[in-house]
Amino acid sequence: MSKRFKPKYNIKKGDLVIVISGAAKPRKDDNGKFDYKPRLVKEVLVDEGKVLVEGVNIKTKHTKPSAQNTKGGIVKVEAPIHISNVMLWDAKAKAPSKVKRVREEGKTLRIFKKSGEKI
């Protein structure tokens, strides 16, 4: 990422998102409709342009025994994915949606483009 300007993302910690590309992308069912599963954003890494999404991109990490972890072994850890691979979930429209920003009374609001509802 550029060091000069801090990027602004429409996705924040605690939002529900849909993974739109990669292994966790929703698949079509027999009727031709997508099987969407909204997932929770745990953390947004602004400098790297990545997000940590619950249950997505799980990696196995081999740990040595230490003072805190006396056993060691294999641990499953969620790794961040690029922010362009996720899209905010619009609960009213029951579909992923783009977001627009509107300034009202000195505050910036995020509004879904599909349903027009505030986030």
PDB file of N, CA and C in Angstrom:
ATOM      1  N   MET A   1       0.841  -1.181   0.000  1.00  0.00           N
ATOM      2  CA  MET A   1       0.000   0.000   0.000  1.00  0.00           C
ATOM      3  C   MET A   1       0.885   1.244   0.000  1.00  0.00           C
ATOM      4  N   SER A   2       0.314   2.317  -0.474  1.00  0.00           N
ATOM      5  CA  SER A   2       1.022   3.585  -0.521  1.00  0.00           C
ATOM      6  C   SER A   2       1.209   4.143   0.887  1.00  0.00           C
ATOM      7  N   LYS A   3       2.351   4.707   1.150  1.00  0.00           N
ATOM      8  CA  LYS A   3       2.640   5.280   2.464  1.00  0.00           C
ATOM      9  C   LYS A   3       2.102   6.713   2.579  1.00  0.00           C
ATOM     10  N   ARG A   4       1.787   7.326   1.433  1.00  0.00           N
ATOM     11  CA  ARG A   4       1.419   8.740   1.428  1.00  0.00           C
ATOM     12  C   ARG A   4       0.011   8.989   1.954  1.00  0.00           C
ATOM     13  N   PHE A   5      -0.957   8.207   1.481  1.00  0.00           N
ATOM     14  CA  PHE A   5      -2.335   8.393   1.900  1.00  0.00           C
ATOM     15  C   PHE A   5      -2.869   7.106   2.508  1.00  0.00           C
ATOM     16  N   LYS A   6      -3.593   7.225   3.599  1.00  0.00           N
ATOM     17  CA  LYS A   6      -4.207   6.057   4.224  1.00  0.00           C
ATOM     18  C   LYS A   6      -5.495   5.732   3.466  1.00  0.00           C
ATOM     19  N   PRO A   7      -5.637   4.512   2.961  1.00  0.00           N
ATOM     20  CA  PRO A   7      -6.842   4.181   2.192  1.00  0.00           C
ATOM     21  C   PRO A   7      -8.075   4.109   3.085  1.00  0.00           C
ATOM     22  N   LYS A   8      -9.241   4.372   2.474  1.00  0.00           N
ATOM     23  CA  LYS A   8     -10.515   4.285   3.186  1.00  0.00           C
ATOM     24  C   LYS A   8     -11.287   3.118   2.600  1.00  0.00           C
ATOM     25  N   TYR A   9     -11.678   2.201   3.467  1.00  0.00           N
ATOM     26  CA  TYR A   9     -12.424   1.029   3.035  1.00  0.00           C
ATOM     27  C   TYR A   9     -13.843   1.096   3.585  1.00  0.00           C
ATOM     28  N   ASN A  10     -14.773   0.497   2.864  1.00  0.00           N
ATOM     29  CA  ASN A  10     -16.167   0.467   3.302  1.00  0.00           C
ATOM     30  C   ASN A  10     -16.430  -0.671   4.275  1.00  0.00           C
ATOM     31  N   ILE A  11     -15.462  -1.537   4.468  1.00  0.00           N
ATOM     32  CA  ILE A  11     -15.637  -2.693   5.355  1.00  0.00           C
ATOM     33  C   ILE A  11     -14.980  -2.391   6.697  1.00  0.00           C
ATOM     34  N   LYS A  12     -15.719  -2.661   7.773  1.00  0.00           N
ATOM     35  CA  LYS A  12     -15.221  -2.420   9.120  1.00  0.00           C
ATOM     36  C   LYS A  12     -15.321  -3.700   9.943  1.00  0.00           C
ATOM     37  N   LYS A  13     -14.654  -3.705  11.089  1.00  0.00           N
ATOM     38  CA  LYS A  13     -14.701  -4.837  12.008  1.00  0.00           C
ATOM     39  C   LYS A  13     -16.141  -5.034  12.481  1.00  0.00           C
ATOM     40  N   GLY A  14     -16.607  -6.285  12.460  1.00  0.00           N
ATOM     41  CA  GLY A  14     -17.955  -6.598  12.910  1.00  0.00           C
ATOM     42  C   GLY A  14     -18.984  -6.641  11.797  1.00  0.00           C
ATOM     43  N   ASP A  15     -18.610  -6.268  10.561  1.00  0.00           N
ATOM     44  CA  ASP A  15     -19.540  -6.322   9.428  1.00  0.00           C
ATOM     45  C   ASP A  15     -19.723  -7.757   8.951  1.00  0.00           C
ATOM     46  N   LEU A  16     -20.863  -8.011   8.319  1.00  0.00           N
ATOM     47  CA  LEU A  16     -21.110  -9.295   7.670  1.00  0.00           C
ATOM     48  C   LEU A  16     -20.733  -9.160   6.205  1.00  0.00           C
ATOM     49  N   VAL A  17     -19.920 -10.095   5.723  1.00  0.00           N
ATOM     50  CA  VAL A  17     -19.453 -10.041   4.334  1.00  0.00           C
ATOM     51  C   VAL A  17     -19.661 -11.390   3.647  1.00  0.00           C
ATOM     52  N   ILE A  18     -19.588 -11.345   2.320  1.00  0.00           N
ATOM     53  CA  ILE A  18     -19.608 -12.539   1.482  1.00  0.00           C
ATOM     54  C   ILE A  18     -18.263 -12.605   0.767  1.00  0.00           C
ATOM     55  N   VAL A  19     -17.660 -13.770   0.728  1.00  0.00           N
ATOM     56  CA  VAL A  19     -16.410 -13.959  -0.014  1.00  0.00           C
ATOM     57  C   VAL A  19     -16.790 -14.159  -1.471  1.00  0.00           C
ATOM     58  N   ILE A  20     -16.300 -13.277  -2.367  1.00  0.00           N
ATOM     59  CA  ILE A  20     -16.715 -13.327  -3.769  1.00  0.00           C
ATOM     60  C   ILE A  20     -15.693 -14.008  -4.681  1.00  0.00           C
ATOM     61  N   SER A  21     -14.528 -14.351  -4.145  1.00  0.00           N
ATOM     62  CA  SER A  21     -13.556 -15.094  -4.943  1.00  0.00           C
ATOM     63  C   SER A  21     -12.690 -15.948  -4.032  1.00  0.00           C
ATOM     64  N   GLY A  22     -12.149 -17.004  -4.583  1.00  0.00           N
ATOM     65  CA  GLY A  22     -11.299 -17.905  -3.820  1.00  0.00           C
ATOM     66  C   GLY A  22     -12.031 -19.178  -3.437  1.00  0.00           C
ATOM     67  N   ALA A  23     -11.459 -19.932  -2.524  1.00  0.00           N
ATOM     68  CA  ALA A  23     -11.988 -21.243  -2.148  1.00  0.00           C
ATOM     69  C   ALA A  23     -13.309 -21.146  -1.392  1.00  0.00           C
ATOM     70  N   ALA A  24     -13.551 -20.052  -0.671  1.00  0.00           N
ATOM     71  CA  ALA A  24     -14.778 -19.907   0.121  1.00  0.00           C
ATOM     72  C   ALA A  24     -15.901 -19.222  -0.652  1.00  0.00           C
ATOM     73  N   LYS A  25     -15.715 -19.046  -1.952  1.00  0.00           N
ATOM     74  CA  LYS A  25     -16.721 -18.402  -2.805  1.00  0.00           C
ATOM     75  C   LYS A  25     -17.996 -19.248  -2.834  1.00  0.00           C
ATOM     76  N   PRO A  26     -19.182 -18.615  -2.808  1.00  0.00           N
ATOM     77  CA  PRO A  26     -20.424 -19.388  -2.836  1.00  0.00           C
ATOM     78  C   PRO A  26     -20.596 -20.115  -4.169  1.00  0.00           C
ATOM     79  N   ARG A  27     -21.124 -21.318  -4.104  1.00  0.00           N
ATOM     80  CA  ARG A  27     -21.343 -22.144  -5.302  1.00  0.00           C
ATOM     81  C   ARG A  27     -22.826 -22.146  -5.662  1.00  0.00           C
ATOM     82  N   LYS A  28     -23.116 -22.394  -6.942  1.00  0.00           N
ATOM     83  CA  LYS A  28     -24.504 -22.488  -7.386  1.00  0.00           C
ATOM     84  C   LYS A  28     -25.082 -23.839  -6.977  1.00  0.00           C
ATOM     85  N   ASP A  29     -26.355 -23.827  -6.560  1.00  0.00           N
ATOM     86  CA  ASP A  29     -27.021 -25.091  -6.238  1.00  0.00           C
ATOM     87  C   ASP A  29     -27.683 -25.652  -7.489  1.00  0.00           C
ATOM     88  N   ASP A  30     -28.501 -26.673  -7.349  1.00  0.00           N
ATOM     89  CA  ASP A  30     -29.125 -27.337  -8.482  1.00  0.00           C
ATOM     90  C   ASP A  30     -30.075 -26.417  -9.253  1.00  0.00           C
ATOM     91  N   ASN A  31     -30.675 -25.455  -8.576  1.00  0.00           N
ATOM     92  CA  ASN A  31     -31.620 -24.532  -9.217  1.00  0.00           C
ATOM     93  C   ASN A  31     -30.930 -23.351  -9.885  1.00  0.00           C
ATOM     94  N   GLY A  32     -29.620 -23.240  -9.770  1.00  0.00           N
ATOM     95  CA  GLY A  32     -28.877 -22.150 -10.382  1.00  0.00           C
ATOM     96  C   GLY A  32     -28.738 -20.931  -9.494  1.00  0.00           C
ATOM     97  N   LYS A  33     -29.162 -21.033  -8.228  1.00  0.00           N
ATOM     98  CA  LYS A  33     -29.032 -19.913  -7.299  1.00  0.00           C
ATOM     99  C   LYS A  33     -27.790 -20.110  -6.445  1.00  0.00           C
ATOM    100  N   PHE A  34     -27.207 -18.981  -6.023  1.00  0.00           N
ATOM    101  CA  PHE A  34     -26.020 -19.051  -5.176  1.00  0.00           C
ATOM    102  C   PHE A  34     -26.405 -19.341  -3.742  1.00  0.00           C
ATOM    103  N   ASP A  35     -25.568 -20.135  -3.080  1.00  0.00           N
ATOM    104  CA  ASP A  35     -25.760 -20.486  -1.673  1.00  0.00           C
ATOM    105  C   ASP A  35     -24.883 -19.556  -0.833  1.00  0.00           C
ATOM    106  N   TYR A  36     -25.433 -18.365  -0.485  1.00  0.00           N
ATOM    107  CA  TYR A  36     -24.664 -17.371   0.258  1.00  0.00           C
ATOM    108  C   TYR A  36     -24.582 -17.715   1.733  1.00  0.00           C
ATOM    109  N   LYS A  37     -23.399 -17.503   2.299  1.00  0.00           N
ATOM    110  CA  LYS A  37     -23.194 -17.685   3.729  1.00  0.00           C
ATOM    111  C   LYS A  37     -22.447 -16.465   4.262  1.00  0.00           C
ATOM    112  N   PRO A  38     -23.181 -15.514   4.877  1.00  0.00           N
ATOM    113  CA  PRO A  38     -22.505 -14.326   5.403  1.00  0.00           C
ATOM    114  C   PRO A  38     -21.548 -14.688   6.532  1.00  0.00           C
ATOM    115  N   ARG A  39     -20.399 -14.034   6.546  1.00  0.00           N
ATOM    116  CA  ARG A  39     -19.383 -14.304   7.557  1.00  0.00           C
ATOM    117  C   ARG A  39     -18.965 -12.993   8.226  1.00  0.00           C
ATOM    118  N   LEU A  40     -18.467 -13.107   9.450  1.00  0.00           N
ATOM    119  CA  LEU A  40     -18.131 -11.948  10.272  1.00  0.00           C
ATOM    120  C   LEU A  40     -16.683 -11.513  10.051  1.00  0.00           C
ATOM    121  N   VAL A  41     -16.465 -10.201   9.947  1.00  0.00           N
ATOM    122  CA  VAL A  41     -15.115  -9.648   9.821  1.00  0.00           C
ATOM    123  C   VAL A  41     -14.539  -9.498  11.225  1.00  0.00           C
ATOM    124  N   LYS A  42     -13.417 -10.177  11.478  1.00  0.00           N
ATOM    125  CA  LYS A  42     -12.767 -10.103  12.788  1.00  0.00           C
ATOM    126  C   LYS A  42     -11.841  -8.904  12.899  1.00  0.00           C
ATOM    127  N   GLU A  43     -11.153  -8.582  11.803  1.00  0.00           N
ATOM    128  CA  GLU A  43     -10.153  -7.515  11.837  1.00  0.00           C
ATOM    129  C   GLU A  43      -9.919  -6.988  10.428  1.00  0.00           C
ATOM    130  N   VAL A  44      -9.666  -5.689  10.313  1.00  0.00           N
ATOM    131  CA  VAL A  44      -9.311  -5.070   9.033  1.00  0.00           C
ATOM    132  C   VAL A  44      -7.876  -4.576   9.145  1.00  0.00           C
ATOM    133  N   LEU A  45      -7.004  -5.091   8.287  1.00  0.00           N
ATOM    134  CA  LEU A  45      -5.599  -4.687   8.262  1.00  0.00           C
ATOM    135  C   LEU A  45      -5.446  -3.626   7.173  1.00  0.00           C
ATOM    136  N   VAL A  46      -5.574  -2.355   7.549  1.00  0.00           N
ATOM    137  CA  VAL A  46      -5.642  -1.253   6.591  1.00  0.00           C
ATOM    138  C   VAL A  46      -4.335  -1.101   5.821  1.00  0.00           C
ATOM    139  N   ASP A  47      -3.202  -1.182   6.494  1.00  0.00           N
ATOM    140  CA  ASP A  47      -1.900  -0.989   5.840  1.00  0.00           C
ATOM    141  C   ASP A  47      -1.624  -2.052   4.786  1.00  0.00           C
ATOM    142  N   GLU A  48      -2.084  -3.270   5.025  1.00  0.00           N
ATOM    143  CA  GLU A  48      -1.855  -4.374   4.093  1.00  0.00           C
ATOM    144  C   GLU A  48      -2.979  -4.511   3.072  1.00  0.00           C
ATOM    145  N   GLY A  49      -4.138  -3.895   3.329  1.00  0.00           N
ATOM    146  CA  GLY A  49      -5.282  -4.021   2.428  1.00  0.00           C
ATOM    147  C   GLY A  49      -5.924  -5.389   2.531  1.00  0.00           C
ATOM    148  N   LYS A  50      -5.961  -5.952   3.750  1.00  0.00           N
ATOM    149  CA  LYS A  50      -6.494  -7.297   3.949  1.00  0.00           C
ATOM    150  C   LYS A  50      -7.501  -7.317   5.085  1.00  0.00           C
ATOM    151  N   VAL A  51      -8.336  -8.356   5.105  1.00  0.00           N
ATOM    152  CA  VAL A  51      -9.309  -8.543   6.180  1.00  0.00           C
ATOM    153  C   VAL A  51      -9.198  -9.963   6.718  1.00  0.00           C
ATOM    154  N   LEU A  52      -9.485 -10.109   8.008  1.00  0.00           N
ATOM    155  CA  LEU A  52      -9.512 -11.408   8.661  1.00  0.00           C
ATOM    156  C   LEU A  52     -10.978 -11.789   8.823  1.00  0.00           C
ATOM    157  N   VAL A  53     -11.414 -12.818   8.086  1.00  0.00           N
ATOM    158  CA  VAL A  53     -12.816 -13.225   8.070  1.00  0.00           C
ATOM    159  C   VAL A  53     -12.953 -14.559   8.791  1.00  0.00           C
ATOM    160  N   GLU A  54     -13.986 -14.664   9.614  1.00  0.00           N
ATOM    161  CA  GLU A  54     -14.222 -15.857  10.433  1.00  0.00           C
ATOM    162  C   GLU A  54     -14.503 -17.079   9.547  1.00  0.00           C
ATOM    163  N   GLY A  55     -13.711 -18.133   9.715  1.00  0.00           N
ATOM    164  CA  GLY A  55     -13.925 -19.389   9.006  1.00  0.00           C
ATOM    165  C   GLY A  55     -13.432 -19.425   7.574  1.00  0.00           C
ATOM    166  N   VAL A  56     -12.624 -18.447   7.155  1.00  0.00           N
ATOM    167  CA  VAL A  56     -12.129 -18.386   5.781  1.00  0.00           C
ATOM    168  C   VAL A  56     -10.607 -18.412   5.797  1.00  0.00           C
ATOM    169  N   ASN A  57     -10.003 -19.091   4.822  1.00  0.00           N
ATOM    170  CA  ASN A  57      -8.551 -19.156   4.643  1.00  0.00           C
ATOM    171  C   ASN A  57      -7.864 -19.711   5.891  1.00  0.00           C
ATOM    172  N   ILE A  58      -8.277 -20.897   6.297  1.00  0.00           N
ATOM    173  CA  ILE A  58      -7.713 -21.536   7.490  1.00  0.00           C
ATOM    174  C   ILE A  58      -6.421 -22.264   7.117  1.00  0.00           C
ATOM    175  N   LYS A  59      -5.347 -21.920   7.818  1.00  0.00           N
ATOM    176  CA  LYS A  59      -4.038 -22.513   7.588  1.00  0.00           C
ATOM    177  C   LYS A  59      -3.658 -23.360   8.798  1.00  0.00           C
ATOM    178  N   THR A  60      -2.826 -24.379   8.578  1.00  0.00           N
ATOM    179  CA  THR A  60      -2.325 -25.165   9.700  1.00  0.00           C
ATOM    180  C   THR A  60      -0.938 -24.659  10.066  1.00  0.00           C
ATOM    181  N   LYS A  61      -0.736 -24.428  11.349  1.00  0.00           N
ATOM    182  CA  LYS A  61       0.531 -23.908  11.842  1.00  0.00           C
ATOM    183  C   LYS A  61       1.119 -24.917  12.822  1.00  0.00           C
ATOM    184  N   HIS A  62       2.370 -25.282  12.608  1.00  0.00           N
ATOM    185  CA  HIS A  62       3.060 -26.220  13.488  1.00  0.00           C
ATOM    186  C   HIS A  62       3.784 -25.423  14.562  1.00  0.00           C
ATOM    187  N   THR A  63       3.451 -25.683  15.831  1.00  0.00           N
ATOM    188  CA  THR A  63       4.050 -24.925  16.929  1.00  0.00           C
ATOM    189  C   THR A  63       4.934 -25.824  17.784  1.00  0.00           C
ATOM    190  N   LYS A  64       6.039 -25.245  18.241  1.00  0.00           N
ATOM    191  CA  LYS A  64       6.944 -25.954  19.139  1.00  0.00           C
ATOM    192  C   LYS A  64       6.442 -25.808  20.571  1.00  0.00           C
ATOM    193  N   PRO A  65       6.750 -26.748  21.430  1.00  0.00           N
ATOM    194  CA  PRO A  65       6.403 -26.573  22.844  1.00  0.00           C
ATOM    195  C   PRO A  65       7.130 -25.359  23.436  1.00  0.00           C
ATOM    196  N   SER A  66       6.388 -24.577  24.239  1.00  0.00           N
ATOM    197  CA  SER A  66       6.973 -23.396  24.873  1.00  0.00           C
ATOM    198  C   SER A  66       6.425 -23.278  26.297  1.00  0.00           C
ATOM    199  N   ALA A  67       6.740 -22.187  26.963  1.00  0.00           N
ATOM    200  CA  ALA A  67       6.268 -21.989  28.336  1.00  0.00           C
ATOM    201  C   ALA A  67       4.748 -21.841  28.384  1.00  0.00           C
ATOM    202  N   GLN A  68       4.162 -21.106  27.418  1.00  0.00           N
ATOM    203  CA  GLN A  68       2.706 -20.935  27.381  1.00  0.00           C
ATOM    204  C   GLN A  68       2.008 -22.185  26.852  1.00  0.00           C
ATOM    205  N   ASN A  69       2.582 -22.770  25.788  1.00  0.00           N
ATOM    206  CA  ASN A  69       1.989 -23.945  25.149  1.00  0.00           C
ATOM    207  C   ASN A  69       2.938 -25.124  25.375  1.00  0.00           C
ATOM    208  N   THR A  70       2.699 -25.890  26.427  1.00  0.00           N
ATOM    209  CA  THR A  70       3.641 -26.960  26.789  1.00  0.00           C
ATOM    210  C   THR A  70       3.568 -28.153  25.839  1.00  0.00           C
ATOM    211  N   LYS A  71       2.426 -28.349  25.209  1.00  0.00           N
ATOM    212  CA  LYS A  71       2.282 -29.481  24.305  1.00  0.00           C
ATOM    213  C   LYS A  71       2.839 -29.213  22.910  1.00  0.00           C
ATOM    214  N   GLY A  72       2.545 -28.036  22.350  1.00  0.00           N
ATOM    215  CA  GLY A  72       2.925 -27.779  20.960  1.00  0.00           C
ATOM    216  C   GLY A  72       1.947 -28.494  20.046  1.00  0.00           C
ATOM    217  N   GLY A  73       2.349 -28.759  18.810  1.00  0.00           N
ATOM    218  CA  GLY A  73       1.503 -29.509  17.884  1.00  0.00           C
ATOM    219  C   GLY A  73       1.008 -28.664  16.727  1.00  0.00           C
ATOM    220  N   ILE A  74      -0.081 -29.127  16.117  1.00  0.00           N
ATOM    221  CA  ILE A  74      -0.641 -28.471  14.941  1.00  0.00           C
ATOM    222  C   ILE A  74      -1.843 -27.630  15.368  1.00  0.00           C
ATOM    223  N   VAL A  75      -1.823 -26.339  14.973  1.00  0.00           N
ATOM    224  CA  VAL A  75      -2.889 -25.400  15.320  1.00  0.00           C
ATOM    225  C   VAL A  75      -3.481 -24.837  14.030  1.00  0.00           C
ATOM    226  N   LYS A  76      -4.808 -24.752  13.958  1.00  0.00           N
ATOM    227  CA  LYS A  76      -5.458 -24.150  12.792  1.00  0.00           C
ATOM    228  C   LYS A  76      -5.653 -22.667  13.056  1.00  0.00           C
ATOM    229  N   VAL A  77      -5.160 -21.828  12.115  1.00  0.00           N
ATOM    230  CA  VAL A  77      -5.181 -20.380  12.264  1.00  0.00           C
ATOM    231  C   VAL A  77      -5.830 -19.763  11.026  1.00  0.00           C
ATOM    232  N   GLU A  78      -6.675 -18.732  11.231  1.00  0.00           N
ATOM    233  CA  GLU A  78      -7.260 -18.017  10.100  1.00  0.00           C
ATOM    234  C   GLU A  78      -6.261 -16.996   9.590  1.00  0.00           C
ATOM    235  N   ALA A  79      -6.033 -16.993   8.280  1.00  0.00           N
ATOM    236  CA  ALA A  79      -5.105 -16.049   7.667  1.00  0.00           C
ATOM    237  C   ALA A  79      -5.921 -14.966   6.947  1.00  0.00           C
ATOM    238  N   PRO A  80      -5.372 -13.751   6.823  1.00  0.00           N
ATOM    239  CA  PRO A  80      -6.116 -12.684   6.152  1.00  0.00           C
ATOM    240  C   PRO A  80      -6.228 -12.911   4.648  1.00  0.00           C
ATOM    241  N   ILE A  81      -7.313 -12.378   4.064  1.00  0.00           N
ATOM    242  CA  ILE A  81      -7.500 -12.411   2.608  1.00  0.00           C
ATOM    243  C   ILE A  81      -7.585 -10.966   2.125  1.00  0.00           C
ATOM    244  N   HIS A  82      -7.385 -10.746   0.840  1.00  0.00           N
ATOM    245  CA  HIS A  82      -7.397  -9.387   0.302  1.00  0.00           C
ATOM    246  C   HIS A  82      -8.797  -8.796   0.393  1.00  0.00           C
ATOM    247  N   ILE A  83      -8.864  -7.506   0.663  1.00  0.00           N
ATOM    248  CA  ILE A  83     -10.139  -6.833   0.902  1.00  0.00           C
ATOM    249  C   ILE A  83     -11.009  -6.789  -0.361  1.00  0.00           C
ATOM    250  N   SER A  84     -10.386  -6.922  -1.538  1.00  0.00           N
ATOM    251  CA  SER A  84     -11.152  -6.913  -2.784  1.00  0.00           C
ATOM    252  C   SER A  84     -11.906  -8.223  -3.002  1.00  0.00           C
ATOM    253  N   ASN A  85     -11.589  -9.249  -2.227  1.00  0.00           N
ATOM    254  CA  ASN A  85     -12.240 -10.551  -2.373  1.00  0.00           C
ATOM    255  C   ASN A  85     -13.494 -10.697  -1.520  1.00  0.00           C
ATOM    256  N   VAL A  86     -13.877  -9.646  -0.796  1.00  0.00           N
ATOM    257  CA  VAL A  86     -15.089  -9.697   0.014  1.00  0.00           C
ATOM    258  C   VAL A  86     -16.018  -8.549  -0.360  1.00  0.00           C
ATOM    259  N   MET A  87     -17.322  -8.761  -0.098  1.00  0.00           N
ATOM    260  CA  MET A  87     -18.334  -7.763  -0.394  1.00  0.00           C
ATOM    261  C   MET A  87     -19.329  -7.740   0.763  1.00  0.00           C
ATOM    262  N   LEU A  88     -19.781  -6.548   1.139  1.00  0.00           N
ATOM    263  CA  LEU A  88     -20.701  -6.426   2.265  1.00  0.00           C
ATOM    264  C   LEU A  88     -22.023  -7.123   1.985  1.00  0.00           C
ATOM    265  N   TRP A  89     -22.598  -7.728   3.029  1.00  0.00           N
ATOM    266  CA  TRP A  89     -23.851  -8.473   2.941  1.00  0.00           C
ATOM    267  C   TRP A  89     -25.009  -7.555   3.297  1.00  0.00           C
ATOM    268  N   ASP A  90     -25.965  -7.416   2.366  1.00  0.00           N
ATOM    269  CA  ASP A  90     -27.173  -6.620   2.591  1.00  0.00           C
ATOM    270  C   ASP A  90     -28.265  -7.563   3.070  1.00  0.00           C
ATOM    271  N   ALA A  91     -28.611  -7.480   4.363  1.00  0.00           N
ATOM    272  CA  ALA A  91     -29.587  -8.402   4.955  1.00  0.00           C
ATOM    273  C   ALA A  91     -30.985  -8.166   4.399  1.00  0.00           C
ATOM    274  N   LYS A  92     -31.319  -6.923   4.076  1.00  0.00           N
ATOM    275  CA  LYS A  92     -32.658  -6.613   3.565  1.00  0.00           C
ATOM    276  C   LYS A  92     -32.854  -7.189   2.161  1.00  0.00           C
ATOM    277  N   ALA A  93     -31.837  -7.031   1.310  1.00  0.00           N
ATOM    278  CA  ALA A  93     -31.906  -7.552  -0.059  1.00  0.00           C
ATOM    279  C   ALA A  93     -31.509  -9.023  -0.133  1.00  0.00           C
ATOM    280  N   LYS A  94     -30.923  -9.548   0.943  1.00  0.00           N
ATOM    281  CA  LYS A  94     -30.416 -10.928   1.011  1.00  0.00           C
ATOM    282  C   LYS A  94     -29.450 -11.224  -0.132  1.00  0.00           C
ATOM    283  N   ALA A  95     -28.529 -10.269  -0.354  1.00  0.00           N
ATOM    284  CA  ALA A  95     -27.530 -10.400  -1.410  1.00  0.00           C
ATOM    285  C   ALA A  95     -26.350  -9.495  -1.093  1.00  0.00           C
ATOM    286  N   PRO A  96     -25.185  -9.769  -1.680  1.00  0.00           N
ATOM    287  CA  PRO A  96     -24.068  -8.843  -1.507  1.00  0.00           C
ATOM    288  C   PRO A  96     -24.358  -7.534  -2.233  1.00  0.00           C
ATOM    289  N   SER A  97     -23.863  -6.431  -1.688  1.00  0.00           N
ATOM    290  CA  SER A  97     -24.192  -5.126  -2.262  1.00  0.00           C
ATOM    291  C   SER A  97     -23.008  -4.187  -2.186  1.00  0.00           C
ATOM    292  N   LYS A  98     -22.961  -3.244  -3.135  1.00  0.00           N
ATOM    293  CA  LYS A  98     -21.977  -2.175  -3.091  1.00  0.00           C
ATOM    294  C   LYS A  98     -22.436  -1.134  -2.081  1.00  0.00           C
ATOM    295  N   VAL A  99     -21.521  -0.239  -1.710  1.00  0.00           N
ATOM    296  CA  VAL A  99     -21.807   0.749  -0.673  1.00  0.00           C
ATOM    297  C   VAL A  99     -21.480   2.138  -1.200  1.00  0.00           C
ATOM    298  N   LYS A 100     -22.327   3.112  -0.838  1.00  0.00           N
ATOM    299  CA  LYS A 100     -22.004   4.506  -1.129  1.00  0.00           C
ATOM    300  C   LYS A 100     -21.919   5.260   0.188  1.00  0.00           C
ATOM    301  N   ARG A 101     -21.163   6.362   0.177  1.00  0.00           N
ATOM    302  CA  ARG A 101     -20.989   7.173   1.383  1.00  0.00           C
ATOM    303  C   ARG A 101     -21.762   8.469   1.219  1.00  0.00           C
ATOM    304  N   VAL A 102     -22.507   8.836   2.268  1.00  0.00           N
ATOM    305  CA  VAL A 102     -23.291  10.069   2.270  1.00  0.00           C
ATOM    306  C   VAL A 102     -22.969  10.817   3.551  1.00  0.00           C
ATOM    307  N   ARG A 103     -22.791  12.127   3.422  1.00  0.00           N
ATOM    308  CA  ARG A 103     -22.522  12.950   4.606  1.00  0.00           C
ATOM    309  C   ARG A 103     -23.816  13.580   5.075  1.00  0.00           C
ATOM    310  N   GLU A 104     -24.168  13.318   6.337  1.00  0.00           N
ATOM    311  CA  GLU A 104     -25.356  13.901   6.952  1.00  0.00           C
ATOM    312  C   GLU A 104     -24.970  14.481   8.299  1.00  0.00           C
ATOM    313  N   GLU A 105     -25.234  15.755   8.489  1.00  0.00           N
ATOM    314  CA  GLU A 105     -24.982  16.444   9.750  1.00  0.00           C
ATOM    315  C   GLU A 105     -23.542  16.270  10.227  1.00  0.00           C
ATOM    316  N   GLY A 106     -22.589  16.333   9.314  1.00  0.00           N
ATOM    317  CA  GLY A 106     -21.177  16.233   9.666  1.00  0.00           C
ATOM    318  C   GLY A 106     -20.660  14.828   9.857  1.00  0.00           C
ATOM    319  N   LYS A 107     -21.504  13.821   9.705  1.00  0.00           N
ATOM    320  CA  LYS A 107     -21.077  12.427   9.856  1.00  0.00           C
ATOM    321  C   LYS A 107     -21.198  11.701   8.522  1.00  0.00           C
ATOM    322  N   THR A 108     -20.275  10.786   8.269  1.00  0.00           N
ATOM    323  CA  THR A 108     -20.316   9.988   7.056  1.00  0.00           C
ATOM    324  C   THR A 108     -21.067   8.694   7.334  1.00  0.00           C
ATOM    325  N   LEU A 109     -22.083   8.423   6.528  1.00  0.00           N
ATOM    326  CA  LEU A 109     -22.877   7.206   6.665  1.00  0.00           C
ATOM    327  C   LEU A 109     -22.604   6.282   5.490  1.00  0.00           C
ATOM    328  N   ARG A 110     -22.618   5.000   5.749  1.00  0.00           N
ATOM    329  CA  ARG A 110     -22.504   3.995   4.695  1.00  0.00           C
ATOM    330  C   ARG A 110     -23.908   3.511   4.364  1.00  0.00           C
ATOM    331  N   ILE A 111     -24.261   3.502   3.078  1.00  0.00           N
ATOM    332  CA  ILE A 111     -25.594   3.100   2.643  1.00  0.00           C
ATOM    333  C   ILE A 111     -25.460   2.069   1.533  1.00  0.00           C
ATOM    334  N   PHE A 112     -26.242   0.976   1.640  1.00  0.00           N
ATOM    335  CA  PHE A 112     -26.244  -0.047   0.601  1.00  0.00           C
ATOM    336  C   PHE A 112     -26.875   0.514  -0.667  1.00  0.00           C
ATOM    337  N   LYS A 113     -26.285   0.212  -1.816  1.00  0.00           N
ATOM    338  CA  LYS A 113     -26.830   0.685  -3.086  1.00  0.00           C
ATOM    339  C   LYS A 113     -28.056  -0.116  -3.510  1.00  0.00           C
ATOM    340  N   LYS A 114     -28.130  -1.405  -3.131  1.00  0.00           N
ATOM    341  CA  LYS A 114     -29.272  -2.238  -3.533  1.00  0.00           C
ATOM    342  C   LYS A 114     -30.550  -1.845  -2.805  1.00  0.00           C
ATOM    343  N   SER A 115     -30.503  -1.786  -1.485  1.00  0.00           N
ATOM    344  CA  SER A 115     -31.715  -1.556  -0.704  1.00  0.00           C
ATOM    345  C   SER A 115     -31.857  -0.111  -0.220  1.00  0.00           C
ATOM    346  N   GLY A 116     -30.757   0.649  -0.195  1.00  0.00           N
ATOM    347  CA  GLY A 116     -30.799   2.015   0.293  1.00  0.00           C
ATOM    348  C   GLY A 116     -30.806   2.114   1.817  1.00  0.00           C
ATOM    349  N   GLU A 117     -30.549   1.005   2.482  1.00  0.00           N
ATOM    350  CA  GLU A 117     -30.567   0.970   3.942  1.00  0.00           C
ATOM    351  C   GLU A 117     -29.211   1.363   4.514  1.00  0.00           C
ATOM    352  N   LYS A 118     -29.237   2.021   5.689  1.00  0.00           N
ATOM    353  CA  LYS A 118     -28.006   2.436   6.355  1.00  0.00           C
ATOM    354  C   LYS A 118     -27.369   1.220   7.041  1.00  0.00           C
ATOM    355  N   ILE A 119     -26.028   1.255   7.106  1.00  0.00           N
ATOM    356  CA  ILE A 119     -25.302   0.170   7.755  1.00  0.00           C
ATOM    357  C   ILE A 119     -25.069   0.549   9.199  1.00  0.00           C
TER     358      ILE A 119
END
